Each structure stands twice: as structure tokens, then as C-alpha cells.
PDB file of N, CA and C in Angstrom:
ATOM      1  N   MET A   1      -4.496  -0.717 -25.475  1.00  0.00           N
ATOM      2  CA  MET A   1      -3.587  -0.460 -24.378  1.00  0.00           C
ATOM      3  C   MET A   1      -3.335   1.043 -24.296  1.00  0.00           C
ATOM      4  N   PRO A   2      -3.399   1.633 -23.091  1.00  0.00           N
ATOM      5  CA  PRO A   2      -3.167   3.073 -22.961  1.00  0.00           C
ATOM      6  C   PRO A   2      -1.714   3.428 -23.243  1.00  0.00           C
ATOM      7  N   GLU A   3      -1.520   4.654 -23.679  1.00  0.00           N
ATOM      8  CA  GLU A   3      -0.173   5.131 -23.971  1.00  0.00           C
ATOM      9  C   GLU A   3       0.609   5.290 -22.671  1.00  0.00           C
ATOM     10  N   LEU A   4       1.899   4.983 -22.738  1.00  0.00           N
ATOM     11  CA  LEU A   4       2.755   5.100 -21.552  1.00  0.00           C
ATOM     12  C   LEU A   4       3.011   6.554 -21.206  1.00  0.00           C
ATOM     13  N   ASP A   5       3.153   6.809 -19.931  1.00  0.00           N
ATOM     14  CA  ASP A   5       3.636   8.090 -19.441  1.00  0.00           C
ATOM     15  C   ASP A   5       5.016   8.330 -20.077  1.00  0.00           C
ATOM     16  N   PRO A   6       5.360   9.566 -20.448  1.00  0.00           N
ATOM     17  CA  PRO A   6       6.652   9.822 -21.090  1.00  0.00           C
ATOM     18  C   PRO A   6       7.858   9.329 -20.286  1.00  0.00           C
ATOM     19  N   GLU A   7       7.799   9.425 -18.972  1.00  0.00           N
ATOM     20  CA  GLU A   7       8.921   8.947 -18.148  1.00  0.00           C
ATOM     21  C   GLU A   7       9.023   7.422 -18.175  1.00  0.00           C
ATOM     22  N   ASP A   8       7.895   6.736 -18.251  1.00  0.00           N
ATOM     23  CA  ASP A   8       7.913   5.281 -18.377  1.00  0.00           C
ATOM     24  C   ASP A   8       8.378   4.870 -19.770  1.00  0.00           C
ATOM     25  N   ALA A   9       7.937   5.596 -20.788  1.00  0.00           N
ATOM     26  CA  ALA A   9       8.386   5.316 -22.153  1.00  0.00           C
ATOM     27  C   ALA A   9       9.905   5.483 -22.249  1.00  0.00           C
ATOM     28  N   LYS A  10      10.441   6.453 -21.517  1.00  0.00           N
ATOM     29  CA  LYS A  10      11.894   6.685 -21.517  1.00  0.00           C
ATOM     30  C   LYS A  10      12.648   5.476 -20.981  1.00  0.00           C
ATOM     31  N   ILE A  11      12.193   4.891 -19.867  1.00  0.00           N
ATOM     32  CA  ILE A  11      12.945   3.748 -19.336  1.00  0.00           C
ATOM     33  C   ILE A  11      12.769   2.504 -20.209  1.00  0.00           C
ATOM     34  N   VAL A  12      11.631   2.360 -20.872  1.00  0.00           N
ATOM     35  CA  VAL A  12      11.481   1.255 -21.831  1.00  0.00           C
ATOM     36  C   VAL A  12      12.465   1.443 -22.982  1.00  0.00           C
ATOM     37  N   THR A  13      12.586   2.668 -23.488  1.00  0.00           N
ATOM     38  CA  THR A  13      13.525   2.956 -24.578  1.00  0.00           C
ATOM     39  C   THR A  13      14.962   2.701 -24.140  1.00  0.00           C
ATOM     40  N   LEU A  14      15.308   3.120 -22.935  1.00  0.00           N
ATOM     41  CA  LEU A  14      16.663   2.877 -22.424  1.00  0.00           C
ATOM     42  C   LEU A  14      16.940   1.376 -22.294  1.00  0.00           C
ATOM     43  N   ALA A  15      15.969   0.618 -21.832  1.00  0.00           N
ATOM     44  CA  ALA A  15      16.127  -0.830 -21.702  1.00  0.00           C
ATOM     45  C   ALA A  15      16.298  -1.485 -23.072  1.00  0.00           C
ATOM     46  N   ARG A  16      15.500  -1.051 -24.041  1.00  0.00           N
ATOM     47  CA  ARG A  16      15.638  -1.575 -25.416  1.00  0.00           C
ATOM     48  C   ARG A  16      17.015  -1.281 -25.965  1.00  0.00           C
ATOM     49  N   SER A  17      17.496  -0.059 -25.742  1.00  0.00           N
ATOM     50  CA  SER A  17      18.804   0.348 -26.257  1.00  0.00           C
ATOM     51  C   SER A  17      19.927  -0.465 -25.630  1.00  0.00           C
ATOM     52  N   ALA A  18      19.857  -0.700 -24.328  1.00  0.00           N
ATOM     53  CA  ALA A  18      20.897  -1.486 -23.653  1.00  0.00           C
ATOM     54  C   ALA A  18      20.943  -2.902 -24.217  1.00  0.00           C
ATOM     55  N   ARG A  19      19.780  -3.474 -24.441  1.00  0.00           N
ATOM     56  CA  ARG A  19      19.703  -4.834 -24.992  1.00  0.00           C
ATOM     57  C   ARG A  19      20.239  -4.876 -26.418  1.00  0.00           C
ATOM     58  N   ALA A  20      19.811  -3.928 -27.234  1.00  0.00           N
ATOM     59  CA  ALA A  20      20.213  -3.911 -28.638  1.00  0.00           C
ATOM     60  C   ALA A  20      21.707  -3.632 -28.804  1.00  0.00           C
ATOM     61  N   ARG A  21      22.230  -2.736 -27.991  1.00  0.00           N
ATOM     62  CA  ARG A  21      23.639  -2.340 -28.096  1.00  0.00           C
ATOM     63  C   ARG A  21      24.567  -3.521 -27.858  1.00  0.00           C
ATOM     64  N   THR A  22      24.183  -4.422 -26.961  1.00  0.00           N
ATOM     65  CA  THR A  22      25.066  -5.525 -26.593  1.00  0.00           C
ATOM     66  C   THR A  22      24.648  -6.872 -27.155  1.00  0.00           C
ATOM     67  N   GLY A  23      23.423  -6.961 -27.655  1.00  0.00           N
ATOM     68  CA  GLY A  23      22.912  -8.240 -28.125  1.00  0.00           C
ATOM     69  C   GLY A  23      22.582  -9.177 -26.974  1.00  0.00           C
ATOM     70  N   ALA A  24      22.366  -8.615 -25.787  1.00  0.00           N
ATOM     71  CA  ALA A  24      22.083  -9.418 -24.597  1.00  0.00           C
ATOM     72  C   ALA A  24      20.668  -9.982 -24.626  1.00  0.00           C
ATOM     73  N   ALA A  25      20.437 -10.950 -23.771  1.00  0.00           N
ATOM     74  CA  ALA A  25      19.113 -11.566 -23.672  1.00  0.00           C
ATOM     75  C   ALA A  25      18.071 -10.580 -23.168  1.00  0.00           C
ATOM     76  N   GLU A  26      18.478  -9.697 -22.254  1.00  0.00           N
ATOM     77  CA  GLU A  26      17.553  -8.718 -21.679  1.00  0.00           C
ATOM     78  C   GLU A  26      18.232  -7.366 -21.539  1.00  0.00           C
ATOM     79  N   GLY A  27      17.410  -6.347 -21.551  1.00  0.00           N
ATOM     80  CA  GLY A  27      17.842  -5.000 -21.209  1.00  0.00           C
ATOM     81  C   GLY A  27      16.907  -4.480 -20.140  1.00  0.00           C
ATOM     82  N   ALA A  28      17.416  -3.624 -19.276  1.00  0.00           N
ATOM     83  CA  ALA A  28      16.577  -3.075 -18.214  1.00  0.00           C
ATOM     84  C   ALA A  28      16.991  -1.645 -17.924  1.00  0.00           C
ATOM     85  N   ALA A  29      16.062  -0.908 -17.353  1.00  0.00           N
ATOM     86  CA  ALA A  29      16.353   0.449 -16.885  1.00  0.00           C
ATOM     87  C   ALA A  29      15.496   0.702 -15.660  1.00  0.00           C
ATOM     88  N   VAL A  30      16.043   1.492 -14.751  1.00  0.00           N
ATOM     89  CA  VAL A  30      15.299   1.875 -13.552  1.00  0.00           C
ATOM     90  C   VAL A  30      15.333   3.393 -13.430  1.00  0.00           C
ATOM     91  N   ARG A  31      14.318   3.928 -12.754  1.00  0.00           N
ATOM     92  CA  ARG A  31      14.254   5.359 -12.444  1.00  0.00           C
ATOM     93  C   ARG A  31      14.234   5.486 -10.936  1.00  0.00           C
ATOM     94  N   ASP A  32      15.160   6.271 -10.401  1.00  0.00           N
ATOM     95  CA  ASP A  32      15.196   6.414  -8.945  1.00  0.00           C
ATOM     96  C   ASP A  32      14.219   7.485  -8.489  1.00  0.00           C
ATOM     97  N   THR A  33      14.095   7.650  -7.190  1.00  0.00           N
ATOM     98  CA  THR A  33      13.128   8.592  -6.644  1.00  0.00           C
ATOM     99  C   THR A  33      13.496  10.043  -6.920  1.00  0.00           C
ATOM    100  N   GLY A  34      14.706  10.286  -7.382  1.00  0.00           N
ATOM    101  CA  GLY A  34      15.117  11.629  -7.778  1.00  0.00           C
ATOM    102  C   GLY A  34      14.947  11.885  -9.265  1.00  0.00           C
ATOM    103  N   GLY A  35      14.464  10.866 -10.007  1.00  0.00           N
ATOM    104  CA  GLY A  35      14.237  11.010 -11.440  1.00  0.00           C
ATOM    105  C   GLY A  35      15.406  10.592 -12.315  1.00  0.00           C
ATOM    106  N   ARG A  36      16.524  10.194 -11.718  1.00  0.00           N
ATOM    107  CA  ARG A  36      17.673   9.735 -12.517  1.00  0.00           C
ATOM    108  C   ARG A  36      17.409   8.327 -13.029  1.00  0.00           C
ATOM    109  N   THR A  37      17.982   8.010 -14.187  1.00  0.00           N
ATOM    110  CA  THR A  37      17.778   6.698 -14.786  1.00  0.00           C
ATOM    111  C   THR A  37      19.099   5.962 -14.933  1.00  0.00           C
ATOM    112  N   TYR A  38      18.986   4.643 -14.899  1.00  0.00           N
ATOM    113  CA  TYR A  38      20.152   3.765 -15.016  1.00  0.00           C
ATOM    114  C   TYR A  38      19.740   2.602 -15.904  1.00  0.00           C
ATOM    115  N   ALA A  39      20.568   2.265 -16.874  1.00  0.00           N
ATOM    116  CA  ALA A  39      20.255   1.178 -17.798  1.00  0.00           C
ATOM    117  C   ALA A  39      21.368   0.142 -17.757  1.00  0.00           C
ATOM    118  N   ALA A  40      21.004  -1.094 -18.030  1.00  0.00           N
ATOM    119  CA  ALA A  40      21.973  -2.188 -18.032  1.00  0.00           C
ATOM    120  C   ALA A  40      21.429  -3.340 -18.868  1.00  0.00           C
ATOM    121  N   CYS A  41      22.295  -4.303 -19.106  1.00  0.00           N
ATOM    122  CA  CYS A  41      21.885  -5.509 -19.824  1.00  0.00           C
ATOM    123  C   CYS A  41      22.313  -6.728 -19.013  1.00  0.00           C
ATOM    124  N   THR A  42      21.924  -7.878 -19.484  1.00  0.00           N
ATOM    125  CA  THR A  42      22.320  -9.132 -18.858  1.00  0.00           C
ATOM    126  C   THR A  42      23.841  -9.214 -18.814  1.00  0.00           C
ATOM    127  N   VAL A  43      24.374  -9.643 -17.675  1.00  0.00           N
ATOM    128  CA  VAL A  43      25.811  -9.863 -17.520  1.00  0.00           C
ATOM    129  C   VAL A  43      26.019 -11.370 -17.375  1.00  0.00           C
ATOM    130  N   ALA A  44      26.757 -11.946 -18.307  1.00  0.00           N
ATOM    131  CA  ALA A  44      26.995 -13.390 -18.281  1.00  0.00           C
ATOM    132  C   ALA A  44      28.484 -13.660 -18.458  1.00  0.00           C
ATOM    133  N   LEU A  45      29.222 -13.500 -17.367  1.00  0.00           N
ATOM    134  CA  LEU A  45      30.651 -13.775 -17.345  1.00  0.00           C
ATOM    135  C   LEU A  45      30.881 -15.077 -16.580  1.00  0.00           C
ATOM    136  N   PRO A  46      32.024 -15.707 -16.785  1.00  0.00           N
ATOM    137  CA  PRO A  46      32.283 -16.931 -16.023  1.00  0.00           C
ATOM    138  C   PRO A  46      32.198 -16.724 -14.505  1.00  0.00           C
ATOM    139  N   SER A  47      32.618 -15.566 -14.025  1.00  0.00           N
ATOM    140  CA  SER A  47      32.638 -15.334 -12.581  1.00  0.00           C
ATOM    141  C   SER A  47      31.517 -14.438 -12.072  1.00  0.00           C
ATOM    142  N   LEU A  48      30.660 -13.932 -12.957  1.00  0.00           N
ATOM    143  CA  LEU A  48      29.600 -13.013 -12.539  1.00  0.00           C
ATOM    144  C   LEU A  48      28.394 -13.154 -13.448  1.00  0.00           C
ATOM    145  N   ARG A  49      27.231 -13.393 -12.844  1.00  0.00           N
ATOM    146  CA  ARG A  49      25.990 -13.491 -13.600  1.00  0.00           C
ATOM    147  C   ARG A  49      24.953 -12.601 -12.936  1.00  0.00           C
ATOM    148  N   LEU A  50      24.431 -11.663 -13.714  1.00  0.00           N
ATOM    149  CA  LEU A  50      23.377 -10.769 -13.251  1.00  0.00           C
ATOM    150  C   LEU A  50      22.319 -10.659 -14.329  1.00  0.00           C
ATOM    151  N   THR A  51      21.082 -10.632 -13.924  1.00  0.00           N
ATOM    152  CA  THR A  51      20.042 -10.309 -14.886  1.00  0.00           C
ATOM    153  C   THR A  51      20.166  -8.824 -15.204  1.00  0.00           C
ATOM    154  N   ALA A  52      19.539  -8.408 -16.265  1.00  0.00           N
ATOM    155  CA  ALA A  52      19.594  -6.995 -16.642  1.00  0.00           C
ATOM    156  C   ALA A  52      19.031  -6.106 -15.536  1.00  0.00           C
ATOM    157  N   LEU A  53      17.933  -6.544 -14.933  1.00  0.00           N
ATOM    158  CA  LEU A  53      17.321  -5.735 -13.883  1.00  0.00           C
ATOM    159  C   LEU A  53      18.204  -5.679 -12.642  1.00  0.00           C
ATOM    160  N   GLN A  54      18.819  -6.787 -12.276  1.00  0.00           N
ATOM    161  CA  GLN A  54      19.760  -6.771 -11.156  1.00  0.00           C
ATOM    162  C   GLN A  54      20.909  -5.802 -11.439  1.00  0.00           C
ATOM    163  N   ALA A  55      21.423  -5.802 -12.661  1.00  0.00           N
ATOM    164  CA  ALA A  55      22.528  -4.919 -13.020  1.00  0.00           C
ATOM    165  C   ALA A  55      22.105  -3.451 -12.983  1.00  0.00           C
ATOM    166  N   ALA A  56      20.892  -3.159 -13.440  1.00  0.00           N
ATOM    167  CA  ALA A  56      20.401  -1.778 -13.407  1.00  0.00           C
ATOM    168  C   ALA A  56      20.202  -1.307 -11.969  1.00  0.00           C
ATOM    169  N   VAL A  57      19.664  -2.174 -11.116  1.00  0.00           N
ATOM    170  CA  VAL A  57      19.501  -1.829  -9.702  1.00  0.00           C
ATOM    171  C   VAL A  57      20.870  -1.614  -9.064  1.00  0.00           C
ATOM    172  N   ALA A  58      21.826  -2.469  -9.379  1.00  0.00           N
ATOM    173  CA  ALA A  58      23.177  -2.317  -8.832  1.00  0.00           C
ATOM    174  C   ALA A  58      23.795  -0.988  -9.261  1.00  0.00           C
ATOM    175  N   ALA A  59      23.592  -0.596 -10.515  1.00  0.00           N
ATOM    176  CA  ALA A  59      24.113   0.690 -10.990  1.00  0.00           C
ATOM    177  C   ALA A  59      23.475   1.848 -10.229  1.00  0.00           C
ATOM    178  N   ALA A  60      22.186   1.748  -9.981  1.00  0.00           N
ATOM    179  CA  ALA A  60      21.494   2.801  -9.233  1.00  0.00           C
ATOM    180  C   ALA A  60      22.032   2.897  -7.811  1.00  0.00           C
ATOM    181  N   VAL A  61      22.159   1.761  -7.152  1.00  0.00           N
ATOM    182  CA  VAL A  61      22.664   1.745  -5.778  1.00  0.00           C
ATOM    183  C   VAL A  61      24.096   2.265  -5.733  1.00  0.00           C
ATOM    184  N   ALA A  62      24.921   1.849  -6.690  1.00  0.00           N
ATOM    185  CA  ALA A  62      26.311   2.295  -6.730  1.00  0.00           C
ATOM    186  C   ALA A  62      26.420   3.801  -6.968  1.00  0.00           C
ATOM    187  N   SER A  63      25.385   4.384  -7.543  1.00  0.00           N
ATOM    188  CA  SER A  63      25.365   5.832  -7.791  1.00  0.00           C
ATOM    189  C   SER A  63      24.708   6.609  -6.659  1.00  0.00           C
ATOM    190  N   GLY A  64      24.286   5.897  -5.620  1.00  0.00           N
ATOM    191  CA  GLY A  64      23.726   6.564  -4.457  1.00  0.00           C
ATOM    192  C   GLY A  64      22.217   6.646  -4.395  1.00  0.00           C
ATOM    193  N   ALA A  65      21.521   5.953  -5.288  1.00  0.00           N
ATOM    194  CA  ALA A  65      20.050   5.979  -5.251  1.00  0.00           C
ATOM    195  C   ALA A  65      19.558   5.361  -3.948  1.00  0.00           C
ATOM    196  N   LEU A  66      18.605   6.030  -3.328  1.00  0.00           N
ATOM    197  CA  LEU A  66      18.039   5.540  -2.075  1.00  0.00           C
ATOM    198  C   LEU A  66      16.727   4.795  -2.281  1.00  0.00           C
ATOM    199  N   GLY A  67      16.127   4.942  -3.454  1.00  0.00           N
ATOM    200  CA  GLY A  67      14.871   4.274  -3.757  1.00  0.00           C
ATOM    201  C   GLY A  67      14.578   4.321  -5.232  1.00  0.00           C
ATOM    202  N   LEU A  68      13.644   3.503  -5.664  1.00  0.00           N
ATOM    203  CA  LEU A  68      13.237   3.440  -7.065  1.00  0.00           C
ATOM    204  C   LEU A  68      11.770   3.793  -7.201  1.00  0.00           C
ATOM    205  N   GLU A  69      11.445   4.455  -8.303  1.00  0.00           N
ATOM    206  CA  GLU A  69      10.049   4.698  -8.657  1.00  0.00           C
ATOM    207  C   GLU A  69       9.532   3.600  -9.571  1.00  0.00           C
ATOM    208  N   ALA A  70      10.361   3.234 -10.566  1.00  0.00           N
ATOM    209  CA  ALA A  70       9.894   2.309 -11.594  1.00  0.00           C
ATOM    210  C   ALA A  70      11.073   1.610 -12.258  1.00  0.00           C
ATOM    211  N   ALA A  71      10.749   0.517 -12.921  1.00  0.00           N
ATOM    212  CA  ALA A  71      11.735  -0.242 -13.676  1.00  0.00           C
ATOM    213  C   ALA A  71      11.081  -0.750 -14.949  1.00  0.00           C
ATOM    214  N   ALA A  72      11.905  -1.030 -15.937  1.00  0.00           N
ATOM    215  CA  ALA A  72      11.420  -1.634 -17.184  1.00  0.00           C
ATOM    216  C   ALA A  72      12.405  -2.712 -17.611  1.00  0.00           C
ATOM    217  N   VAL A  73      11.870  -3.814 -18.096  1.00  0.00           N
ATOM    218  CA  VAL A  73      12.680  -4.910 -18.606  1.00  0.00           C
ATOM    219  C   VAL A  73      12.201  -5.225 -20.008  1.00  0.00           C
ATOM    220  N   VAL A  74      13.139  -5.325 -20.931  1.00  0.00           N
ATOM    221  CA  VAL A  74      12.824  -5.744 -22.298  1.00  0.00           C
ATOM    222  C   VAL A  74      13.359  -7.158 -22.454  1.00  0.00           C
ATOM    223  N   THR A  75      12.450  -8.072 -22.750  1.00  0.00           N
ATOM    224  CA  THR A  75      12.791  -9.486 -22.817  1.00  0.00           C
ATOM    225  C   THR A  75      11.847 -10.214 -23.751  1.00  0.00           C
ATOM    226  N   GLU A  76      12.327 -11.290 -24.313  1.00  0.00           N
ATOM    227  CA  GLU A  76      11.454 -12.154 -25.109  1.00  0.00           C
ATOM    228  C   GLU A  76      10.661 -13.101 -24.223  1.00  0.00           C
ATOM    229  N   ALA A  77      11.032 -13.213 -22.960  1.00  0.00           N
ATOM    230  CA  ALA A  77      10.392 -14.159 -22.047  1.00  0.00           C
ATOM    231  C   ALA A  77       8.968 -13.758 -21.664  1.00  0.00           C
ATOM    232  N   GLY A  78       8.644 -12.477 -21.771  1.00  0.00           N
ATOM    233  CA  GLY A  78       7.302 -12.032 -21.423  1.00  0.00           C
ATOM    234  C   GLY A  78       7.042 -11.874 -19.940  1.00  0.00           C
ATOM    235  N   LYS A  79       8.055 -12.128 -19.123  1.00  0.00           N
ATOM    236  CA  LYS A  79       7.917 -11.970 -17.679  1.00  0.00           C
ATOM    237  C   LYS A  79       9.290 -11.711 -17.071  1.00  0.00           C
ATOM    238  N   VAL A  80       9.271 -11.307 -15.811  1.00  0.00           N
ATOM    239  CA  VAL A  80      10.508 -11.038 -15.082  1.00  0.00           C
ATOM    240  C   VAL A  80      10.671 -12.110 -14.019  1.00  0.00           C
ATOM    241  N   ASP A  81      11.880 -12.627 -13.889  1.00  0.00           N
ATOM    242  CA  ASP A  81      12.123 -13.684 -12.909  1.00  0.00           C
ATOM    243  C   ASP A  81      12.097 -13.136 -11.479  1.00  0.00           C
ATOM    244  N   ASP A  82      11.906 -14.029 -10.540  1.00  0.00           N
ATOM    245  CA  ASP A  82      11.764 -13.644  -9.132  1.00  0.00           C
ATOM    246  C   ASP A  82      13.009 -12.960  -8.568  1.00  0.00           C
ATOM    247  N   GLU A  83      14.199 -13.398  -8.973  1.00  0.00           N
ATOM    248  CA  GLU A  83      15.431 -12.793  -8.459  1.00  0.00           C
ATOM    249  C   GLU A  83      15.556 -11.339  -8.894  1.00  0.00           C
ATOM    250  N   SER A  84      15.136 -11.057 -10.101  1.00  0.00           N
ATOM    251  CA  SER A  84      15.176  -9.672 -10.595  1.00  0.00           C
ATOM    252  C   SER A  84      14.195  -8.799  -9.827  1.00  0.00           C
ATOM    253  N   LEU A  85      12.984  -9.304  -9.648  1.00  0.00           N
ATOM    254  CA  LEU A  85      11.989  -8.555  -8.878  1.00  0.00           C
ATOM    255  C   LEU A  85      12.452  -8.331  -7.443  1.00  0.00           C
ATOM    256  N   ALA A  86      13.138  -9.315  -6.873  1.00  0.00           N
ATOM    257  CA  ALA A  86      13.630  -9.177  -5.507  1.00  0.00           C
ATOM    258  C   ALA A  86      14.632  -8.029  -5.393  1.00  0.00           C
ATOM    259  N   ALA A  87      15.456  -7.835  -6.405  1.00  0.00           N
ATOM    260  CA  ALA A  87      16.426  -6.736  -6.367  1.00  0.00           C
ATOM    261  C   ALA A  87      15.717  -5.388  -6.300  1.00  0.00           C
ATOM    262  N   VAL A  88      14.648  -5.239  -7.064  1.00  0.00           N
ATOM    263  CA  VAL A  88      13.855  -4.004  -7.027  1.00  0.00           C
ATOM    264  C   VAL A  88      13.202  -3.851  -5.660  1.00  0.00           C
ATOM    265  N   ARG A  89      12.580  -4.914  -5.188  1.00  0.00           N
ATOM    266  CA  ARG A  89      11.856  -4.872  -3.907  1.00  0.00           C
ATOM    267  C   ARG A  89      12.785  -4.630  -2.724  1.00  0.00           C
ATOM    268  N   ASP A  90      14.036  -5.083  -2.820  1.00  0.00           N
ATOM    269  CA  ASP A  90      15.008  -4.817  -1.754  1.00  0.00           C
ATOM    270  C   ASP A  90      15.215  -3.321  -1.563  1.00  0.00           C
ATOM    271  N   LEU A  91      15.126  -2.583  -2.650  1.00  0.00           N
ATOM    272  CA  LEU A  91      15.337  -1.142  -2.584  1.00  0.00           C
ATOM    273  C   LEU A  91      14.038  -0.393  -2.304  1.00  0.00           C
ATOM    274  N   THR A  92      12.961  -0.766  -2.996  1.00  0.00           N
ATOM    275  CA  THR A  92      11.661  -0.095  -2.823  1.00  0.00           C
ATOM    276  C   THR A  92      10.534  -1.079  -3.121  1.00  0.00           C
ATOM    277  N   ALA A  93       9.816  -1.459  -2.103  1.00  0.00           N
ATOM    278  CA  ALA A  93       8.745  -2.452  -2.258  1.00  0.00           C
ATOM    279  C   ALA A  93       7.629  -1.979  -3.174  1.00  0.00           C
ATOM    280  N   SER A  94       7.410  -0.671  -3.254  1.00  0.00           N
ATOM    281  CA  SER A  94       6.276  -0.157  -4.031  1.00  0.00           C
ATOM    282  C   SER A  94       6.619   0.197  -5.480  1.00  0.00           C
ATOM    283  N   ALA A  95       7.859   0.061  -5.886  1.00  0.00           N
ATOM    284  CA  ALA A  95       8.231   0.388  -7.270  1.00  0.00           C
ATOM    285  C   ALA A  95       7.554  -0.591  -8.232  1.00  0.00           C
ATOM    286  N   TYR A  96       7.076  -0.083  -9.354  1.00  0.00           N
ATOM    287  CA  TYR A  96       6.441  -0.963 -10.328  1.00  0.00           C
ATOM    288  C   TYR A  96       7.437  -1.344 -11.416  1.00  0.00           C
ATOM    289  N   VAL A  97       7.187  -2.497 -12.031  1.00  0.00           N
ATOM    290  CA  VAL A  97       8.078  -3.028 -13.054  1.00  0.00           C
ATOM    291  C   VAL A  97       7.280  -3.252 -14.328  1.00  0.00           C
ATOM    292  N   LEU A  98       7.699  -2.584 -15.398  1.00  0.00           N
ATOM    293  CA  LEU A  98       7.097  -2.765 -16.712  1.00  0.00           C
ATOM    294  C   LEU A  98       7.864  -3.856 -17.456  1.00  0.00           C
ATOM    295  N   VAL A  99       7.160  -4.699 -18.175  1.00  0.00           N
ATOM    296  CA  VAL A  99       7.781  -5.726 -18.998  1.00  0.00           C
ATOM    297  C   VAL A  99       7.395  -5.461 -20.438  1.00  0.00           C
ATOM    298  N   ALA A 100       8.386  -5.387 -21.302  1.00  0.00           N
ATOM    299  CA  ALA A 100       8.135  -5.095 -22.714  1.00  0.00           C
ATOM    300  C   ALA A 100       8.800  -6.152 -23.590  1.00  0.00           C
ATOM    301  N   ASP A 101       8.231  -6.354 -24.765  1.00  0.00           N
ATOM    302  CA  ASP A 101       8.844  -7.254 -25.726  1.00  0.00           C
ATOM    303  C   ASP A 101       9.944  -6.482 -26.468  1.00  0.00           C
ATOM    304  N   PRO A 102      10.734  -7.145 -27.301  1.00  0.00           N
ATOM    305  CA  PRO A 102      11.839  -6.464 -27.964  1.00  0.00           C
ATOM    306  C   PRO A 102      11.441  -5.251 -28.824  1.00  0.00           C
ATOM    307  N   SER A 103      10.181  -5.186 -29.248  1.00  0.00           N
ATOM    308  CA  SER A 103       9.727  -4.020 -30.025  1.00  0.00           C
ATOM    309  C   SER A 103       9.442  -2.823 -29.123  1.00  0.00           C
ATOM    310  N   GLY A 104       9.404  -3.069 -27.816  1.00  0.00           N
ATOM    311  CA  GLY A 104       9.092  -1.994 -26.865  1.00  0.00           C
ATOM    312  C   GLY A 104       7.645  -1.973 -26.425  1.00  0.00           C
ATOM    313  N   ALA A 105       6.845  -2.902 -26.928  1.00  0.00           N
ATOM    314  CA  ALA A 105       5.439  -2.969 -26.524  1.00  0.00           C
ATOM    315  C   ALA A 105       5.338  -3.586 -25.143  1.00  0.00           C
ATOM    316  N   VAL A 106       4.696  -2.882 -24.231  1.00  0.00           N
ATOM    317  CA  VAL A 106       4.533  -3.402 -22.880  1.00  0.00           C
ATOM    318  C   VAL A 106       3.524  -4.541 -22.908  1.00  0.00           C
ATOM    319  N   VAL A 107       3.903  -5.643 -22.267  1.00  0.00           N
ATOM    320  CA  VAL A 107       3.050  -6.849 -22.262  1.00  0.00           C
ATOM    321  C   VAL A 107       2.355  -6.998 -20.929  1.00  0.00           C
TER     322      VAL A 107
END
């Protein structure tokens, strides 16, 4: 497998950190078109449920991001669910999504 671009490696690391810090099922990070990054984890409250990627996209939008370049999700599932991908696509259809296992290896 080829080595990740340093900016992509950064969002994978941020996603891993968000997941590890909270013990959540998933961690995610996105990079906006200006190069800023936003990280989040799964939100599972009685009144609010967001996947990690949905939460990261929401953080980006709340901070004024107009588009995304890339996203990364760290999960044991090995894939990203359709609702999470839809959140990315709502903002930028061409943004790519990296999926990594808990060790940070992109799958």
C-alpha cells in the first residue's frame, strides 16, 4: 500500500485521536477546502445520535467551511455507512473519504 500524503495522514491521526480520547465506536476528521481540519467522534445521547463523520462535517459547517477536500473515518467496521457519506456529499460531492482501522491503517 502506498504511503499516505502527509495531509491525509494528519486527518487519519486526528480521527484516531478523537476515537481514542472518548472510547467512541468511531472517530472522524475532515479537511475543508481552506486546509482547516475538524475532528469528532460518535455522539450517542438519548436525544442526539450522530456518526463521527456526521459530527465532523457539522463542526466544519458550524465553523464556516464551504467545502471539503477529504475525510477520514477510523472504525472497526471497515466501511462507512451511507448516512455518513451523504453528509460529506451534501457539502462536496468530489471529496474523498479514507477508512482506517483502529491502528490507523487505511483499508
